[in-house]
PDB file of N, CA and C in Angstrom:
ATOM      1  N   UNK A   1      23.084  22.725 -22.801  1.00  0.00           N
ATOM      2  CA  UNK A   1      21.630  23.213 -22.444  1.00  0.00           C
ATOM      3  C   UNK A   1      21.206  23.526 -21.162  1.00  0.00           C
ATOM      4  N   UNK A   2      20.525  24.805 -21.206  1.00  0.00           N
ATOM      5  CA  UNK A   2      20.230  25.458 -20.039  1.00  0.00           C
ATOM      6  C   UNK A   2      18.821  25.067 -19.541  1.00  0.00           C
ATOM      7  N   UNK A   3      18.655  24.568 -18.455  1.00  0.00           N
ATOM      8  CA  UNK A   3      17.274  24.549 -18.016  1.00  0.00           C
ATOM      9  C   UNK A   3      16.513  25.610 -17.067  1.00  0.00           C
ATOM     10  N   UNK A   4      15.598  26.059 -17.368  1.00  0.00           N
ATOM     11  CA  UNK A   4      15.081  27.091 -16.769  1.00  0.00           C
ATOM     12  C   UNK A   4      14.060  26.325 -15.534  1.00  0.00           C
ATOM     13  N   UNK A   5      14.126  26.594 -14.208  1.00  0.00           N
ATOM     14  CA  UNK A   5      13.530  26.190 -13.255  1.00  0.00           C
ATOM     15  C   UNK A   5      12.450  27.220 -12.615  1.00  0.00           C
ATOM     16  N   UNK A   6      11.445  26.933 -12.129  1.00  0.00           N
ATOM     17  CA  UNK A   6      10.386  27.714 -11.568  1.00  0.00           C
ATOM     18  C   UNK A   6       9.882  26.912 -10.193  1.00  0.00           C
ATOM     19  N   UNK A   7       9.733  27.368  -9.140  1.00  0.00           N
ATOM     20  CA  UNK A   7       9.157  27.058  -8.143  1.00  0.00           C
ATOM     21  C   UNK A   7       7.754  27.348  -7.564  1.00  0.00           C
ATOM     22  N   UNK A   8       7.042  26.572  -7.618  1.00  0.00           N
ATOM     23  CA  UNK A   8       5.333  27.159  -7.077  1.00  0.00           C
ATOM     24  C   UNK A   8       5.165  26.618  -5.614  1.00  0.00           C
ATOM     25  N   UNK A   9       5.784  27.303  -4.610  1.00  0.00           N
ATOM     26  CA  UNK A   9       5.516  26.836  -3.480  1.00  0.00           C
ATOM     27  C   UNK A   9       4.063  26.150  -2.782  1.00  0.00           C
ATOM     28  N   UNK A  10       3.265  27.001  -3.279  1.00  0.00           N
ATOM     29  CA  UNK A  10       1.634  26.426  -2.862  1.00  0.00           C
ATOM     30  C   UNK A  10       1.282  25.282  -3.614  1.00  0.00           C
ATOM     31  N   UNK A  11       1.824  25.018  -4.697  1.00  0.00           N
ATOM     32  CA  UNK A  11       1.275  23.722  -5.490  1.00  0.00           C
ATOM     33  C   UNK A  11       2.289  22.587  -5.143  1.00  0.00           C
ATOM     34  N   UNK A  12       3.464  22.609  -4.568  1.00  0.00           N
ATOM     35  CA  UNK A  12       4.535  21.898  -4.239  1.00  0.00           C
ATOM     36  C   UNK A  12       5.040  21.169  -5.542  1.00  0.00           C
ATOM     37  N   UNK A  13       5.264  21.910  -6.470  1.00  0.00           N
ATOM     38  CA  UNK A  13       5.800  21.657  -7.764  1.00  0.00           C
ATOM     39  C   UNK A  13       6.977  22.287  -8.312  1.00  0.00           C
ATOM     40  N   UNK A  14       7.728  21.979  -9.199  1.00  0.00           N
ATOM     41  CA  UNK A  14       8.696  22.507  -9.817  1.00  0.00           C
ATOM     42  C   UNK A  14       8.750  22.392 -11.239  1.00  0.00           C
ATOM     43  N   UNK A  15       8.966  23.363 -11.995  1.00  0.00           N
ATOM     44  CA  UNK A  15       8.933  23.750 -13.537  1.00  0.00           C
ATOM     45  C   UNK A  15      10.496  23.425 -13.870  1.00  0.00           C
ATOM     46  N   UNK A  16      10.934  22.484 -14.804  1.00  0.00           N
ATOM     47  CA  UNK A  16      11.771  22.216 -15.571  1.00  0.00           C
ATOM     48  C   UNK A  16      11.772  22.586 -16.835  1.00  0.00           C
ATOM     49  N   UNK A  17      12.013  23.845 -17.383  1.00  0.00           N
ATOM     50  CA  UNK A  17      11.864  24.029 -18.714  1.00  0.00           C
ATOM     51  C   UNK A  17      10.434  24.004 -18.821  1.00  0.00           C
ATOM     52  N   UNK A  18       9.598  23.060 -19.753  1.00  0.00           N
ATOM     53  CA  UNK A  18       8.484  22.997 -19.863  1.00  0.00           C
ATOM     54  C   UNK A  18       7.824  21.817 -19.439  1.00  0.00           C
ATOM     55  N   UNK A  19       8.494  21.399 -18.441  1.00  0.00           N
ATOM     56  CA  UNK A  19       8.036  20.038 -17.675  1.00  0.00           C
ATOM     57  C   UNK A  19       7.722  20.272 -16.293  1.00  0.00           C
ATOM     58  N   UNK A  20       6.761  19.827 -15.383  1.00  0.00           N
ATOM     59  CA  UNK A  20       6.477  20.333 -14.173  1.00  0.00           C
ATOM     60  C   UNK A  20       6.507  19.003 -13.364  1.00  0.00           C
ATOM     61  N   UNK A  21       7.288  19.091 -12.036  1.00  0.00           N
ATOM     62  CA  UNK A  21       7.431  17.919 -11.486  1.00  0.00           C
ATOM     63  C   UNK A  21       6.831  18.017  -9.999  1.00  0.00           C
ATOM     64  N   UNK A  22       6.074  17.258  -9.375  1.00  0.00           N
ATOM     65  CA  UNK A  22       5.244  17.190  -8.159  1.00  0.00           C
ATOM     66  C   UNK A  22       6.341  17.076  -7.054  1.00  0.00           C
ATOM     67  N   UNK A  23       6.456  17.697  -6.020  1.00  0.00           N
ATOM     68  CA  UNK A  23       7.320  17.140  -4.887  1.00  0.00           C
ATOM     69  C   UNK A  23       6.519  15.803  -4.104  1.00  0.00           C
ATOM     70  N   UNK A  24       7.342  15.121  -3.847  1.00  0.00           N
ATOM     71  CA  UNK A  24       6.992  13.735  -3.229  1.00  0.00           C
ATOM     72  C   UNK A  24       6.184  12.952  -4.033  1.00  0.00           C
ATOM     73  N   UNK A  25       5.975  13.040  -5.198  1.00  0.00           N
ATOM     74  CA  UNK A  25       5.043  12.248  -5.954  1.00  0.00           C
ATOM     75  C   UNK A  25       5.579  10.845  -6.086  1.00  0.00           C
ATOM     76  N   UNK A  26       6.762  10.856  -6.416  1.00  0.00           N
ATOM     77  CA  UNK A  26       7.334   9.399  -6.911  1.00  0.00           C
ATOM     78  C   UNK A  26       7.473   8.514  -5.536  1.00  0.00           C
ATOM     79  N   UNK A  27       7.390   9.264  -4.417  1.00  0.00           N
ATOM     80  CA  UNK A  27       7.665   8.766  -2.860  1.00  0.00           C
ATOM     81  C   UNK A  27       6.214   8.062  -2.900  1.00  0.00           C
ATOM     82  N   UNK A  28       5.125   8.741  -3.089  1.00  0.00           N
ATOM     83  CA  UNK A  28       3.751   8.273  -2.632  1.00  0.00           C
ATOM     84  C   UNK A  28       3.409   7.434  -3.889  1.00  0.00           C
ATOM     85  N   UNK A  29       3.939   7.195  -5.043  1.00  0.00           N
ATOM     86  CA  UNK A  29       3.631   6.052  -5.911  1.00  0.00           C
ATOM     87  C   UNK A  29       4.517   4.861  -5.612  1.00  0.00           C
ATOM     88  N   UNK A  30       5.646   5.074  -5.097  1.00  0.00           N
ATOM     89  CA  UNK A  30       6.500   3.910  -4.582  1.00  0.00           C
ATOM     90  C   UNK A  30       5.706   3.306  -3.278  1.00  0.00           C
ATOM     91  N   UNK A  31       5.255   4.009  -2.307  1.00  0.00           N
ATOM     92  CA  UNK A  31       4.781   3.341  -1.103  1.00  0.00           C
ATOM     93  C   UNK A  31       3.330   2.489  -1.805  1.00  0.00           C
ATOM     94  N   UNK A  32       2.531   3.273  -2.642  1.00  0.00           N
ATOM     95  CA  UNK A  32       1.294   2.777  -3.125  1.00  0.00           C
ATOM     96  C   UNK A  32       1.290   1.503  -3.741  1.00  0.00           C
ATOM     97  N   UNK A  33       2.761   1.333  -4.883  1.00  0.00           N
ATOM     98  CA  UNK A  33       3.088   0.297  -5.247  1.00  0.00           C
ATOM     99  C   UNK A  33       3.376  -1.043  -4.307  1.00  0.00           C
ATOM    100  N   UNK A  34       4.388  -0.643  -3.402  1.00  0.00           N
ATOM    101  CA  UNK A  34       4.685  -1.523  -2.337  1.00  0.00           C
ATOM    102  C   UNK A  34       3.463  -1.886  -1.508  1.00  0.00           C
ATOM    103  N   UNK A  35       2.488  -1.244  -0.951  1.00  0.00           N
ATOM    104  CA  UNK A  35       1.550  -1.659  -0.449  1.00  0.00           C
ATOM    105  C   UNK A  35       0.699  -2.676  -1.291  1.00  0.00           C
ATOM    106  N   UNK A  36       0.406  -2.164  -2.365  1.00  0.00           N
ATOM    107  CA  UNK A  36      -0.332  -3.023  -3.299  1.00  0.00           C
ATOM    108  C   UNK A  36       0.206  -4.413  -3.583  1.00  0.00           C
ATOM    109  N   UNK A  37       1.563  -4.171  -3.760  1.00  0.00           N
ATOM    110  CA  UNK A  37       2.296  -5.568  -3.813  1.00  0.00           C
ATOM    111  C   UNK A  37       2.111  -6.726  -2.671  1.00  0.00           C
ATOM    112  N   UNK A  38       2.142  -5.998  -1.333  1.00  0.00           N
ATOM    113  CA  UNK A  38       2.028  -6.589  -0.148  1.00  0.00           C
ATOM    114  C   UNK A  38       0.651  -7.128   0.140  1.00  0.00           C
ATOM    115  N   UNK A  39      -0.300  -6.289  -0.460  1.00  0.00           N
ATOM    116  CA  UNK A  39      -1.740  -6.716  -0.127  1.00  0.00           C
ATOM    117  C   UNK A  39      -2.155  -7.955  -1.188  1.00  0.00           C
ATOM    118  N   UNK A  40      -1.736  -7.679  -2.245  1.00  0.00           N
ATOM    119  CA  UNK A  40      -1.866  -8.773  -3.513  1.00  0.00           C
ATOM    120  C   UNK A  40      -1.526 -10.359  -2.884  1.00  0.00           C
ATOM    121  N   UNK A  41       0.091  -9.779  -2.305  1.00  0.00           N
ATOM    122  CA  UNK A  41       0.605 -11.300  -1.663  1.00  0.00           C
ATOM    123  C   UNK A  41      -0.008 -11.714  -0.751  1.00  0.00           C
ATOM    124  N   UNK A  42      -0.445 -10.918   0.213  1.00  0.00           N
ATOM    125  CA  UNK A  42      -1.230 -11.447   1.284  1.00  0.00           C
ATOM    126  C   UNK A  42      -2.493 -12.216   0.923  1.00  0.00           C
ATOM    127  N   UNK A  43      -3.227 -11.572   0.129  1.00  0.00           N
ATOM    128  CA  UNK A  43      -4.471 -12.148  -0.550  1.00  0.00           C
ATOM    129  C   UNK A  43      -4.378 -13.593  -1.098  1.00  0.00           C
ATOM    130  N   UNK A  44      -3.564 -13.658  -1.907  1.00  0.00           N
ATOM    131  CA  UNK A  44      -3.182 -14.905  -2.693  1.00  0.00           C
ATOM    132  C   UNK A  44      -2.684 -15.781  -1.695  1.00  0.00           C
ATOM    133  N   UNK A  45      -1.816 -15.578  -0.861  1.00  0.00           N
ATOM    134  CA  UNK A  45      -1.635 -16.735   0.241  1.00  0.00           C
ATOM    135  C   UNK A  45      -2.627 -16.862   1.205  1.00  0.00           C
ATOM    136  N   UNK A  46      -3.350 -15.937   1.503  1.00  0.00           N
ATOM    137  CA  UNK A  46      -4.461 -16.281   2.357  1.00  0.00           C
ATOM    138  C   UNK A  46      -5.713 -17.089   1.666  1.00  0.00           C
ATOM    139  N   UNK A  47      -5.882 -16.820   0.480  1.00  0.00           N
ATOM    140  CA  UNK A  47      -7.042 -17.577  -0.277  1.00  0.00           C
ATOM    141  C   UNK A  47      -6.524 -18.901  -0.336  1.00  0.00           C
ATOM    142  N   UNK A  48      -5.129 -19.233  -0.854  1.00  0.00           N
ATOM    143  CA  UNK A  48      -4.751 -20.652  -1.105  1.00  0.00           C
ATOM    144  C   UNK A  48      -5.045 -21.399   0.427  1.00  0.00           C
ATOM    145  N   UNK A  49      -4.599 -20.808   1.424  1.00  0.00           N
ATOM    146  CA  UNK A  49      -4.835 -21.152   2.925  1.00  0.00           C
ATOM    147  C   UNK A  49      -6.067 -21.423   3.135  1.00  0.00           C
ATOM    148  N   UNK A  50      -7.160 -20.355   2.899  1.00  0.00           N
ATOM    149  CA  UNK A  50      -8.538 -20.819   3.186  1.00  0.00           C
ATOM    150  C   UNK A  50      -9.102 -21.762   2.448  1.00  0.00           C
ATOM    151  N   UNK A  51      -8.756 -21.883   1.124  1.00  0.00           N
ATOM    152  CA  UNK A  51      -9.310 -23.122   0.398  1.00  0.00           C
ATOM    153  C   UNK A  51      -8.916 -24.557   0.791  1.00  0.00           C
ATOM    154  N   UNK A  52      -7.937 -24.288   1.544  1.00  0.00           N
ATOM    155  CA  UNK A  52      -7.309 -25.719   1.845  1.00  0.00           C
ATOM    156  C   UNK A  52      -8.155 -26.159   2.984  1.00  0.00           C
ATOM    157  N   UNK A  53      -9.119 -25.324   3.598  1.00  0.00           N
ATOM    158  CA  UNK A  53      -9.461 -25.724   4.977  1.00  0.00           C
ATOM    159  C   UNK A  53     -10.752 -26.474   4.638  1.00  0.00           C
ATOM    160  N   UNK A  54     -10.828 -27.705   5.142  1.00  0.00           N
ATOM    161  CA  UNK A  54     -12.178 -28.760   4.441  1.00  0.00           C
ATOM    162  C   UNK A  54     -13.523 -28.271   5.248  1.00  0.00           C
ATOM    163  N   UNK A  55     -13.322 -27.932   6.491  1.00  0.00           N
ATOM    164  CA  UNK A  55     -14.535 -27.715   7.041  1.00  0.00           C
ATOM    165  C   UNK A  55     -14.946 -26.464   6.797  1.00  0.00           C
ATOM    166  N   UNK A  56     -16.494 -26.286   6.231  1.00  0.00           N
ATOM    167  CA  UNK A  56     -16.964 -25.121   6.087  1.00  0.00           C
ATOM    168  C   UNK A  56     -17.078 -23.979   6.949  1.00  0.00           C
ATOM    169  N   UNK A  57     -17.323 -24.425   8.089  1.00  0.00           N
ATOM    170  CA  UNK A  57     -17.467 -23.191   9.307  1.00  0.00           C
ATOM    171  C   UNK A  57     -15.994 -22.508   9.491  1.00  0.00           C
ATOM    172  N   UNK A  58     -14.943 -23.655   9.373  1.00  0.00           N
ATOM    173  CA  UNK A  58     -13.883 -23.042   9.649  1.00  0.00           C
ATOM    174  C   UNK A  58     -13.119 -22.037   8.486  1.00  0.00           C
ATOM    175  N   UNK A  59     -13.516 -22.723   7.316  1.00  0.00           N
ATOM    176  CA  UNK A  59     -13.240 -21.850   6.154  1.00  0.00           C
ATOM    177  C   UNK A  59     -13.715 -20.510   6.022  1.00  0.00           C
ATOM    178  N   UNK A  60     -15.207 -20.368   6.534  1.00  0.00           N
ATOM    179  CA  UNK A  60     -15.557 -19.079   6.420  1.00  0.00           C
ATOM    180  C   UNK A  60     -15.196 -18.139   7.458  1.00  0.00           C
ATOM    181  N   UNK A  61     -14.880 -18.747   8.650  1.00  0.00           N
ATOM    182  CA  UNK A  61     -14.217 -18.038   9.885  1.00  0.00           C
ATOM    183  C   UNK A  61     -12.735 -17.682   9.374  1.00  0.00           C
ATOM    184  N   UNK A  62     -12.261 -18.481   8.429  1.00  0.00           N
ATOM    185  CA  UNK A  62     -10.642 -17.945   7.999  1.00  0.00           C
ATOM    186  C   UNK A  62     -10.714 -16.827   6.962  1.00  0.00           C
ATOM    187  N   UNK A  63     -11.773 -16.959   6.189  1.00  0.00           N
ATOM    188  CA  UNK A  63     -11.967 -15.864   5.159  1.00  0.00           C
ATOM    189  C   UNK A  63     -12.279 -14.729   6.014  1.00  0.00           C
ATOM    190  N   UNK A  64     -13.197 -14.729   6.660  1.00  0.00           N
ATOM    191  CA  UNK A  64     -13.616 -13.312   7.484  1.00  0.00           C
ATOM    192  C   UNK A  64     -12.585 -12.701   8.296  1.00  0.00           C
ATOM    193  N   UNK A  65     -11.715 -13.642   8.990  1.00  0.00           N
ATOM    194  CA  UNK A  65     -10.210 -13.204   9.486  1.00  0.00           C
ATOM    195  C   UNK A  65      -9.265 -12.405   8.898  1.00  0.00           C
ATOM    196  N   UNK A  66      -9.321 -13.211   7.447  1.00  0.00           N
ATOM    197  CA  UNK A  66      -8.223 -12.580   6.671  1.00  0.00           C
ATOM    198  C   UNK A  66      -8.838 -11.299   5.846  1.00  0.00           C
ATOM    199  N   UNK A  67      -9.935 -11.279   5.928  1.00  0.00           N
ATOM    200  CA  UNK A  67     -10.690  -9.997   5.439  1.00  0.00           C
ATOM    201  C   UNK A  67     -10.233  -8.910   6.313  1.00  0.00           C
ATOM    202  N   UNK A  68     -10.508  -9.381   7.618  1.00  0.00           N
ATOM    203  CA  UNK A  68     -10.265  -8.057   8.872  1.00  0.00           C
ATOM    204  C   UNK A  68      -9.022  -7.766   8.799  1.00  0.00           C
ATOM    205  N   UNK A  69      -7.906  -8.579   8.680  1.00  0.00           N
ATOM    206  CA  UNK A  69      -6.526  -8.194   8.471  1.00  0.00           C
ATOM    207  C   UNK A  69      -6.226  -7.388   7.390  1.00  0.00           C
ATOM    208  N   UNK A  70      -6.975  -7.622   6.165  1.00  0.00           N
ATOM    209  CA  UNK A  70      -6.635  -6.781   5.003  1.00  0.00           C
ATOM    210  C   UNK A  70      -7.183  -5.283   5.236  1.00  0.00           C
ATOM    211  N   UNK A  71      -8.235  -5.418   5.893  1.00  0.00           N
ATOM    212  CA  UNK A  71      -8.789  -3.787   6.381  1.00  0.00           C
ATOM    213  C   UNK A  71      -8.126  -3.112   7.449  1.00  0.00           C
ATOM    214  N   UNK A  72      -7.400  -3.998   8.236  1.00  0.00           N
ATOM    215  CA  UNK A  72      -6.500  -3.550   9.389  1.00  0.00           C
ATOM    216  C   UNK A  72      -5.435  -2.865   8.657  1.00  0.00           C
ATOM    217  N   UNK A  73      -4.818  -3.599   7.754  1.00  0.00           N
ATOM    218  CA  UNK A  73      -3.586  -3.069   7.053  1.00  0.00           C
ATOM    219  C   UNK A  73      -3.860  -1.921   6.291  1.00  0.00           C
ATOM    220  N   UNK A  74      -5.020  -1.745   5.814  1.00  0.00           N
ATOM    221  CA  UNK A  74      -5.472  -0.397   5.016  1.00  0.00           C
ATOM    222  C   UNK A  74      -5.735   0.598   6.128  1.00  0.00           C
ATOM    223  N   UNK A  75      -5.683   0.524   7.375  1.00  0.00           N
ATOM    224  CA  UNK A  75      -5.593   1.594   8.474  1.00  0.00           C
ATOM    225  C   UNK A  75      -7.235   1.603   9.089  1.00  0.00           C
ATOM    226  N   UNK A  76      -8.090   0.764   8.668  1.00  0.00           N
ATOM    227  CA  UNK A  76      -9.363   0.796   9.199  1.00  0.00           C
ATOM    228  C   UNK A  76      -9.460   0.282  10.572  1.00  0.00           C
ATOM    229  N   UNK A  77     -10.367   0.921  11.462  1.00  0.00           N
ATOM    230  CA  UNK A  77     -10.469   0.228  12.814  1.00  0.00           C
ATOM    231  C   UNK A  77     -11.284  -0.941  12.455  1.00  0.00           C
ATOM    232  N   UNK A  78     -11.087  -2.373  13.309  1.00  0.00           N
ATOM    233  CA  UNK A  78     -11.576  -3.338  12.885  1.00  0.00           C
ATOM    234  C   UNK A  78     -11.771  -3.987  14.367  1.00  0.00           C
ATOM    235  N   UNK A  79     -12.832  -4.896  14.301  1.00  0.00           N
ATOM    236  CA  UNK A  79     -13.038  -5.818  15.397  1.00  0.00           C
ATOM    237  C   UNK A  79     -12.879  -7.112  14.848  1.00  0.00           C
ATOM    238  N   UNK A  80     -12.392  -8.198  15.709  1.00  0.00           N
ATOM    239  CA  UNK A  80     -12.480  -9.390  15.483  1.00  0.00           C
ATOM    240  C   UNK A  80     -13.707 -10.189  14.781  1.00  0.00           C
ATOM    241  N   UNK A  81     -13.638 -10.968  13.942  1.00  0.00           N
ATOM    242  CA  UNK A  81     -15.093 -11.580  13.384  1.00  0.00           C
ATOM    243  C   UNK A  81     -15.790 -12.478  14.347  1.00  0.00           C
ATOM    244  N   UNK A  82     -17.019 -12.529  14.045  1.00  0.00           N
ATOM    245  CA  UNK A  82     -17.973 -13.384  15.141  1.00  0.00           C
ATOM    246  C   UNK A  82     -17.154 -14.718  15.021  1.00  0.00           C
ATOM    247  N   UNK A  83     -17.119 -15.394  16.228  1.00  0.00           N
ATOM    248  CA  UNK A  83     -16.980 -16.851  16.076  1.00  0.00           C
ATOM    249  C   UNK A  83     -18.159 -17.645  16.123  1.00  0.00           C
ATOM    250  N   UNK A  84     -18.062 -18.368  14.976  1.00  0.00           N
ATOM    251  CA  UNK A  84     -19.417 -19.293  14.823  1.00  0.00           C
ATOM    252  C   UNK A  84     -19.498 -20.492  15.436  1.00  0.00           C
ATOM    253  N   UNK A  85     -20.866 -20.913  15.801  1.00  0.00           N
ATOM    254  CA  UNK A  85     -21.033 -21.945  16.390  1.00  0.00           C
ATOM    255  C   UNK A  85     -20.547 -23.204  15.939  1.00  0.00           C
ATOM    256  N   UNK A  86     -19.950 -24.004  16.369  1.00  0.00           N
ATOM    257  CA  UNK A  86     -19.296 -25.347  15.572  1.00  0.00           C
ATOM    258  C   UNK A  86     -17.669 -24.888  15.553  1.00  0.00           C
ATOM    259  N   UNK A  87     -17.373 -23.965  15.670  1.00  0.00           N
ATOM    260  CA  UNK A  87     -15.952 -23.827  15.446  1.00  0.00           C
ATOM    261  C   UNK A  87     -15.018 -23.962  16.776  1.00  0.00           C
ATOM    262  N   UNK A  88     -14.325 -25.041  17.038  1.00  0.00           N
ATOM    263  CA  UNK A  88     -13.568 -25.230  18.082  1.00  0.00           C
ATOM    264  C   UNK A  88     -12.335 -24.552  18.229  1.00  0.00           C
ATOM    265  N   UNK A  89     -11.893 -24.162  19.586  1.00  0.00           N
ATOM    266  CA  UNK A  89     -10.800 -23.134  20.016  1.00  0.00           C
ATOM    267  C   UNK A  89      -9.629 -23.515  19.385  1.00  0.00           C
ATOM    268  N   UNK A  90      -9.230 -24.789  19.399  1.00  0.00           N
ATOM    269  CA  UNK A  90      -7.983 -24.956  18.828  1.00  0.00           C
ATOM    270  C   UNK A  90      -7.904 -24.833  17.271  1.00  0.00           C
ATOM    271  N   UNK A  91      -9.111 -24.964  16.426  1.00  0.00           N
ATOM    272  CA  UNK A  91      -9.231 -24.720  15.118  1.00  0.00           C
ATOM    273  C   UNK A  91      -8.848 -23.171  15.266  1.00  0.00           C
ATOM    274  N   UNK A  92      -9.968 -22.713  15.778  1.00  0.00           N
ATOM    275  CA  UNK A  92      -9.869 -21.000  15.626  1.00  0.00           C
ATOM    276  C   UNK A  92      -8.416 -20.478  16.091  1.00  0.00           C
ATOM    277  N   UNK A  93      -7.795 -20.859  17.184  1.00  0.00           N
ATOM    278  CA  UNK A  93      -6.595 -20.344  17.312  1.00  0.00           C
ATOM    279  C   UNK A  93      -5.448 -20.756  16.425  1.00  0.00           C
ATOM    280  N   UNK A  94      -5.469 -21.977  15.553  1.00  0.00           N
ATOM    281  CA  UNK A  94      -4.646 -22.309  14.649  1.00  0.00           C
ATOM    282  C   UNK A  94      -4.879 -21.288  13.472  1.00  0.00           C
ATOM    283  N   UNK A  95      -6.200 -20.992  13.096  1.00  0.00           N
ATOM    284  CA  UNK A  95      -6.391 -20.201  12.020  1.00  0.00           C
ATOM    285  C   UNK A  95      -5.810 -18.549  12.292  1.00  0.00           C
ATOM    286  N   UNK A  96      -6.182 -18.285  13.331  1.00  0.00           N
ATOM    287  CA  UNK A  96      -5.556 -16.865  13.726  1.00  0.00           C
ATOM    288  C   UNK A  96      -4.188 -16.987  13.563  1.00  0.00           C
ATOM    289  N   UNK A  97      -3.637 -17.763  14.179  1.00  0.00           N
ATOM    290  CA  UNK A  97      -1.947 -17.773  14.463  1.00  0.00           C
ATOM    291  C   UNK A  97      -1.491 -17.894  12.705  1.00  0.00           C
ATOM    292  N   UNK A  98      -1.802 -18.544  11.881  1.00  0.00           N
ATOM    293  CA  UNK A  98      -1.400 -18.941  10.780  1.00  0.00           C
ATOM    294  C   UNK A  98      -1.631 -17.591   9.929  1.00  0.00           C
ATOM    295  N   UNK A  99      -2.859 -17.172  10.016  1.00  0.00           N
ATOM    296  CA  UNK A  99      -3.129 -15.790   9.099  1.00  0.00           C
ATOM    297  C   UNK A  99      -2.387 -14.453   9.785  1.00  0.00           C
ATOM    298  N   UNK A 100      -2.002 -14.383  11.108  1.00  0.00           N
ATOM    299  CA  UNK A 100      -1.404 -13.255  11.544  1.00  0.00           C
ATOM    300  C   UNK A 100       0.094 -13.571  11.180  1.00  0.00           C
ATOM    301  N   UNK A 101       0.566 -14.783  11.052  1.00  0.00           N
ATOM    302  CA  UNK A 101       2.107 -15.006  10.693  1.00  0.00           C
ATOM    303  C   UNK A 101       2.292 -14.656   9.123  1.00  0.00           C
ATOM    304  N   UNK A 102       1.165 -14.848   8.373  1.00  0.00           N
ATOM    305  CA  UNK A 102       1.011 -14.754   6.854  1.00  0.00           C
ATOM    306  C   UNK A 102       1.162 -12.699   7.035  1.00  0.00           C
ATOM    307  N   UNK A 103       0.208 -12.269   7.584  1.00  0.00           N
ATOM    308  CA  UNK A 103       0.040 -11.017   7.648  1.00  0.00           C
ATOM    309  C   UNK A 103       1.525 -10.206   7.901  1.00  0.00           C
ATOM    310  N   UNK A 104       2.181 -10.883   9.162  1.00  0.00           N
ATOM    311  CA  UNK A 104       3.512 -10.274   9.531  1.00  0.00           C
ATOM    312  C   UNK A 104       4.476 -10.083   8.245  1.00  0.00           C
ATOM    313  N   UNK A 105       4.429 -11.251   7.676  1.00  0.00           N
ATOM    314  CA  UNK A 105       5.344 -11.275   6.609  1.00  0.00           C
ATOM    315  C   UNK A 105       4.998 -10.178   5.351  1.00  0.00           C
ATOM    316  N   UNK A 106       3.901  -9.900   5.120  1.00  0.00           N
ATOM    317  CA  UNK A 106       3.435  -8.898   4.189  1.00  0.00           C
ATOM    318  C   UNK A 106       3.353  -7.192   4.753  1.00  0.00           C
ATOM    319  N   UNK A 107       2.752  -7.100   5.935  1.00  0.00           N
ATOM    320  CA  UNK A 107       2.437  -5.733   6.665  1.00  0.00           C
ATOM    321  C   UNK A 107       3.270  -5.735   7.860  1.00  0.00           C
ATOM    322  N   UNK A 108       4.439  -5.882   7.650  1.00  0.00           N
ATOM    323  CA  UNK A 108       5.157  -5.601   9.441  1.00  0.00           C
ATOM    324  C   UNK A 108       4.963  -4.642  10.322  1.00  0.00           C
ATOM    325  N   UNK A 109       4.742  -3.358   9.617  1.00  0.00           N
ATOM    326  CA  UNK A 109       4.551  -2.455  10.495  1.00  0.00           C
ATOM    327  C   UNK A 109       3.020  -2.134  10.831  1.00  0.00           C
ATOM    328  N   UNK A 110       2.284  -2.571   9.914  1.00  0.00           N
ATOM    329  CA  UNK A 110       0.835  -2.371  10.146  1.00  0.00           C
ATOM    330  C   UNK A 110       0.135  -3.120  11.149  1.00  0.00           C
ATOM    331  N   UNK A 111       0.351  -4.448  11.000  1.00  0.00           N
ATOM    332  CA  UNK A 111      -0.210  -5.318  12.066  1.00  0.00           C
ATOM    333  C   UNK A 111       0.355  -5.442  13.313  1.00  0.00           C
ATOM    334  N   UNK A 112       1.103  -4.541  13.775  1.00  0.00           N
ATOM    335  CA  UNK A 112       1.259  -4.951  15.408  1.00  0.00           C
ATOM    336  C   UNK A 112       0.249  -4.264  16.251  1.00  0.00           C
ATOM    337  N   UNK A 113      -0.305  -5.044  16.998  1.00  0.00           N
ATOM    338  CA  UNK A 113      -1.521  -4.826  17.783  1.00  0.00           C
ATOM    339  C   UNK A 113      -1.282  -3.538  18.885  1.00  0.00           C
ATOM    340  N   UNK A 114      -2.337  -2.637  18.985  1.00  0.00           N
ATOM    341  CA  UNK A 114      -2.311  -1.667  19.760  1.00  0.00           C
ATOM    342  C   UNK A 114      -2.681  -2.237  21.107  1.00  0.00           C
ATOM    343  N   UNK A 115      -1.979  -1.486  22.462  1.00  0.00           N
ATOM    344  CA  UNK A 115      -2.243  -1.927  23.772  1.00  0.00           C
ATOM    345  C   UNK A 115      -3.332  -1.058  24.102  1.00  0.00           C
TER     346      UNK A 115
END
């Protein structure tokens, strides 16, 4: 069987007989799938962690901090969440350290802090 090929350099595609293939399309889909899996993995683990915090103020802060990490992983410019009144520093530090550790597990290159 002889396949006829044609290239369209402007569109970044190639034709194999009657089928068209886009350059890099599978790479983009693979990246999106990997990021989606990492995002969902982090989200499910972070939700379980946050739900396990009994103090309401600390739990709300943990959820805000997890949301900030998710936005950072998406590439958005983020700032640290507001520290609520009544959240003591040791609890805040524990929440931040735990969620940062989780994020490093799922978003290795995205979570490196910029100096």
